[in-house]
Amino acid sequence: MVMNADETLPSMLPSTPTSVTVNDLDRQIETLMRCECISEQEVKSLCAKAREILLQEGNVQVVDSPVTVIFYYLFEFSKFFKFDGMIT
């Protein structure tokens, strides 16, 4: 879903700033890197936190829809990290 910066989050995501800690993020990333599941609430919190951070970035452009989304399956996507290394 692509949203304008002035739009509110859908009701499925928390609309207030999230309180995800670095330890939470590290644990969730480690869990996901093992191809294990995290809870639905953790996914919602991560999405809300990512949106919150990305909207503050100067190099992120807000775009209007419709947008063509090209996606990869997780396995193919993980191959990028084998070639380019992990994100710092």
N, C-alpha and C. Protein backbone atom coordinates (compact mmCIF):
# COMPACT_ATOMS: atom_id res chain seq x y z
N MET A 1 0.85 -1.17 0.00
CA MET A 1 0.00 0.00 0.00
C MET A 1 0.89 1.23 0.00
N VAL A 2 0.61 2.17 -0.87
CA VAL A 2 1.35 3.41 -0.94
C VAL A 2 0.43 4.51 -0.44
N MET A 3 0.97 5.35 0.43
CA MET A 3 0.15 6.40 1.01
C MET A 3 0.87 7.73 0.88
N ASN A 4 0.12 8.80 0.82
CA ASN A 4 0.70 10.13 0.89
C ASN A 4 1.12 10.40 2.32
N ALA A 5 2.10 11.27 2.48
CA ALA A 5 2.62 11.55 3.82
C ALA A 5 1.57 12.13 4.74
N ASP A 6 0.59 12.84 4.19
CA ASP A 6 -0.42 13.46 5.04
C ASP A 6 -1.61 12.56 5.34
N GLU A 7 -1.63 11.36 4.78
CA GLU A 7 -2.72 10.43 5.05
C GLU A 7 -2.46 9.71 6.37
N THR A 8 -3.52 9.24 6.98
CA THR A 8 -3.36 8.47 8.21
C THR A 8 -3.14 7.01 7.87
N LEU A 9 -2.55 6.30 8.79
CA LEU A 9 -2.34 4.87 8.61
C LEU A 9 -3.68 4.15 8.63
N PRO A 10 -3.78 3.05 7.91
CA PRO A 10 -5.00 2.25 8.01
C PRO A 10 -5.21 1.79 9.44
N SER A 11 -6.43 1.47 9.77
CA SER A 11 -6.75 1.10 11.14
C SER A 11 -6.00 -0.14 11.60
N MET A 12 -5.48 -0.94 10.67
CA MET A 12 -4.77 -2.15 11.07
C MET A 12 -3.38 -1.84 11.63
N LEU A 13 -2.86 -0.65 11.40
CA LEU A 13 -1.55 -0.27 11.93
C LEU A 13 -1.73 0.74 13.05
N PRO A 14 -0.84 0.70 14.05
CA PRO A 14 -0.93 1.69 15.12
C PRO A 14 -0.73 3.09 14.54
N SER A 15 -1.54 4.05 14.93
CA SER A 15 -1.42 5.40 14.40
C SER A 15 -0.49 6.26 15.25
N THR A 16 -0.13 5.81 16.41
CA THR A 16 0.77 6.55 17.27
C THR A 16 2.18 6.03 17.08
N PRO A 17 3.20 6.86 17.39
CA PRO A 17 4.57 6.38 17.25
C PRO A 17 4.78 5.09 18.04
N THR A 18 5.52 4.20 17.46
CA THR A 18 5.72 2.91 18.09
C THR A 18 6.88 2.98 19.07
N SER A 19 6.89 2.08 20.02
CA SER A 19 7.95 2.04 21.01
C SER A 19 8.78 0.77 20.83
N VAL A 20 9.15 0.49 19.59
CA VAL A 20 9.97 -0.67 19.30
C VAL A 20 11.40 -0.33 19.70
N THR A 21 12.00 -1.17 20.53
CA THR A 21 13.37 -0.92 20.97
C THR A 21 14.36 -1.58 20.03
N VAL A 22 15.62 -1.17 20.14
CA VAL A 22 16.67 -1.78 19.33
C VAL A 22 16.77 -3.26 19.63
N ASN A 23 16.62 -3.64 20.89
CA ASN A 23 16.66 -5.06 21.25
C ASN A 23 15.51 -5.82 20.59
N ASP A 24 14.32 -5.21 20.55
CA ASP A 24 13.19 -5.84 19.86
C ASP A 24 13.51 -6.04 18.38
N LEU A 25 14.04 -5.00 17.76
CA LEU A 25 14.38 -5.09 16.34
C LEU A 25 15.43 -6.17 16.08
N ASP A 26 16.47 -6.19 16.90
CA ASP A 26 17.52 -7.20 16.74
C ASP A 26 16.95 -8.61 16.86
N ARG A 27 16.10 -8.81 17.85
CA ARG A 27 15.51 -10.13 18.06
C ARG A 27 14.61 -10.51 16.88
N GLN A 28 13.81 -9.56 16.43
CA GLN A 28 12.91 -9.84 15.31
C GLN A 28 13.68 -10.12 14.02
N ILE A 29 14.73 -9.37 13.77
CA ILE A 29 15.55 -9.61 12.58
C ILE A 29 16.20 -10.97 12.65
N GLU A 30 16.75 -11.33 13.80
CA GLU A 30 17.35 -12.66 13.95
C GLU A 30 16.32 -13.76 13.72
N THR A 31 15.13 -13.58 14.25
CA THR A 31 14.07 -14.57 14.05
C THR A 31 13.72 -14.70 12.58
N LEU A 32 13.55 -13.57 11.90
CA LEU A 32 13.20 -13.59 10.49
C LEU A 32 14.32 -14.16 9.63
N MET A 33 15.57 -13.89 9.98
CA MET A 33 16.70 -14.42 9.22
C MET A 33 16.79 -15.94 9.32
N ARG A 34 16.21 -16.49 10.38
CA ARG A 34 16.13 -17.96 10.51
C ARG A 34 14.88 -18.50 9.82
N CYS A 35 14.19 -17.63 9.08
CA CYS A 35 12.94 -17.98 8.37
C CYS A 35 11.87 -18.47 9.33
N GLU A 36 11.87 -17.91 10.54
CA GLU A 36 10.84 -18.20 11.53
C GLU A 36 9.86 -17.03 11.56
N CYS A 37 8.68 -17.30 12.05
CA CYS A 37 7.62 -16.28 12.09
C CYS A 37 7.72 -15.42 13.34
N ILE A 38 7.28 -14.18 13.19
CA ILE A 38 7.05 -13.31 14.33
C ILE A 38 5.54 -13.07 14.38
N SER A 39 5.08 -12.53 15.49
CA SER A 39 3.63 -12.36 15.66
C SER A 39 3.08 -11.28 14.73
N GLU A 40 1.78 -11.35 14.51
CA GLU A 40 1.11 -10.36 13.67
C GLU A 40 1.28 -8.96 14.25
N GLN A 41 1.19 -8.84 15.55
CA GLN A 41 1.35 -7.53 16.19
C GLN A 41 2.77 -6.99 15.98
N GLU A 42 3.77 -7.88 16.02
CA GLU A 42 5.14 -7.44 15.78
C GLU A 42 5.31 -6.95 14.34
N VAL A 43 4.68 -7.62 13.40
CA VAL A 43 4.74 -7.19 12.00
C VAL A 43 4.10 -5.81 11.86
N LYS A 44 2.95 -5.62 12.48
CA LYS A 44 2.27 -4.33 12.42
C LYS A 44 3.13 -3.23 13.04
N SER A 45 3.75 -3.53 14.18
CA SER A 45 4.61 -2.55 14.83
C SER A 45 5.83 -2.22 13.98
N LEU A 46 6.42 -3.25 13.37
CA LEU A 46 7.57 -3.02 12.50
C LEU A 46 7.19 -2.16 11.30
N CYS A 47 6.06 -2.44 10.69
CA CYS A 47 5.61 -1.65 9.54
C CYS A 47 5.36 -0.20 9.94
N ALA A 48 4.73 0.01 11.06
CA ALA A 48 4.46 1.36 11.54
C ALA A 48 5.76 2.10 11.84
N LYS A 49 6.71 1.41 12.47
CA LYS A 49 8.00 2.03 12.80
C LYS A 49 8.77 2.34 11.53
N ALA A 50 8.76 1.43 10.56
CA ALA A 50 9.45 1.66 9.29
C ALA A 50 8.86 2.88 8.58
N ARG A 51 7.55 2.97 8.56
CA ARG A 51 6.88 4.12 7.92
C ARG A 51 7.26 5.41 8.63
N GLU A 52 7.25 5.37 9.95
CA GLU A 52 7.60 6.54 10.76
C GLU A 52 9.01 7.02 10.42
N ILE A 53 9.94 6.10 10.33
CA ILE A 53 11.34 6.44 10.04
C ILE A 53 11.50 6.91 8.60
N LEU A 54 10.90 6.19 7.66
CA LEU A 54 11.06 6.53 6.25
C LEU A 54 10.49 7.89 5.91
N LEU A 55 9.40 8.28 6.55
CA LEU A 55 8.81 9.59 6.28
C LEU A 55 9.71 10.73 6.74
N GLN A 56 10.68 10.45 7.62
CA GLN A 56 11.61 11.46 8.10
C GLN A 56 12.87 11.54 7.24
N GLU A 57 13.09 10.56 6.38
CA GLU A 57 14.29 10.51 5.55
C GLU A 57 14.21 11.52 4.41
N GLY A 58 15.30 12.20 4.17
CA GLY A 58 15.34 13.16 3.08
C GLY A 58 15.43 12.53 1.70
N ASN A 59 15.91 11.30 1.64
CA ASN A 59 16.09 10.66 0.34
C ASN A 59 14.95 9.72 -0.03
N VAL A 60 13.85 9.77 0.70
CA VAL A 60 12.67 8.95 0.40
C VAL A 60 11.62 9.85 -0.22
N GLN A 61 11.14 9.44 -1.36
CA GLN A 61 10.14 10.22 -2.09
C GLN A 61 8.76 9.61 -1.89
N VAL A 62 7.82 10.42 -1.45
CA VAL A 62 6.43 9.97 -1.34
C VAL A 62 5.83 10.02 -2.74
N VAL A 63 5.22 8.93 -3.16
CA VAL A 63 4.64 8.86 -4.50
C VAL A 63 3.14 8.60 -4.40
N ASP A 64 2.42 9.11 -5.38
CA ASP A 64 0.98 8.87 -5.45
C ASP A 64 0.72 7.57 -6.19
N SER A 65 -0.37 6.95 -5.86
CA SER A 65 -0.74 5.72 -6.55
C SER A 65 -1.51 6.08 -7.82
N PRO A 66 -1.58 5.21 -8.78
CA PRO A 66 -1.17 3.81 -8.73
C PRO A 66 0.33 3.65 -8.95
N VAL A 67 0.89 2.66 -8.33
CA VAL A 67 2.30 2.34 -8.44
C VAL A 67 2.41 0.88 -8.82
N THR A 68 3.27 0.59 -9.78
CA THR A 68 3.52 -0.80 -10.13
C THR A 68 4.55 -1.35 -9.17
N VAL A 69 4.20 -2.42 -8.51
CA VAL A 69 5.09 -3.03 -7.52
C VAL A 69 5.67 -4.30 -8.11
N ILE A 70 7.00 -4.37 -8.12
CA ILE A 70 7.68 -5.58 -8.55
C ILE A 70 8.26 -6.19 -7.29
N PHE A 71 7.96 -7.45 -7.05
CA PHE A 71 8.42 -8.07 -5.82
C PHE A 71 9.08 -9.39 -6.10
N TYR A 72 9.86 -9.83 -5.15
CA TYR A 72 10.54 -11.11 -5.20
C TYR A 72 10.02 -11.98 -4.08
N TYR A 73 10.15 -13.25 -4.25
CA TYR A 73 9.88 -14.16 -3.15
C TYR A 73 11.02 -14.03 -2.16
N LEU A 74 10.75 -14.35 -0.91
CA LEU A 74 11.74 -14.18 0.15
C LEU A 74 13.05 -14.89 -0.18
N PHE A 75 12.98 -16.11 -0.70
CA PHE A 75 14.20 -16.86 -0.99
C PHE A 75 15.05 -16.13 -2.02
N GLU A 76 14.44 -15.67 -3.12
CA GLU A 76 15.19 -14.95 -4.13
C GLU A 76 15.72 -13.62 -3.59
N PHE A 77 14.89 -12.95 -2.79
CA PHE A 77 15.30 -11.69 -2.19
C PHE A 77 16.51 -11.88 -1.29
N SER A 78 16.55 -12.99 -0.54
CA SER A 78 17.66 -13.24 0.38
C SER A 78 18.97 -13.45 -0.38
N LYS A 79 18.91 -13.83 -1.65
CA LYS A 79 20.13 -14.01 -2.45
C LYS A 79 20.88 -12.69 -2.61
N PHE A 80 20.15 -11.58 -2.63
CA PHE A 80 20.82 -10.29 -2.74
C PHE A 80 21.81 -10.08 -1.59
N PHE A 81 21.45 -10.53 -0.40
CA PHE A 81 22.32 -10.36 0.75
C PHE A 81 23.56 -11.23 0.64
N LYS A 82 23.46 -12.36 -0.03
CA LYS A 82 24.63 -13.21 -0.23
C LYS A 82 25.64 -12.53 -1.14
N PHE A 83 25.16 -11.77 -2.11
CA PHE A 83 26.06 -11.08 -3.04
C PHE A 83 26.55 -9.75 -2.49
N ASP A 84 25.67 -9.00 -1.87
CA ASP A 84 26.00 -7.65 -1.42
C ASP A 84 26.29 -7.54 0.07
N GLY A 85 26.05 -8.57 0.83
CA GLY A 85 26.27 -8.51 2.27
C GLY A 85 25.05 -7.99 3.01
N MET A 86 25.08 -8.11 4.31
CA MET A 86 23.96 -7.68 5.14
C MET A 86 23.89 -6.16 5.21
N ILE A 87 22.73 -5.67 5.49
CA ILE A 87 22.53 -4.23 5.67
C ILE A 87 23.15 -3.82 6.99
N THR A 88 23.85 -2.70 6.99
CA THR A 88 24.49 -2.24 8.23
C THR A 88 23.56 -1.35 9.01
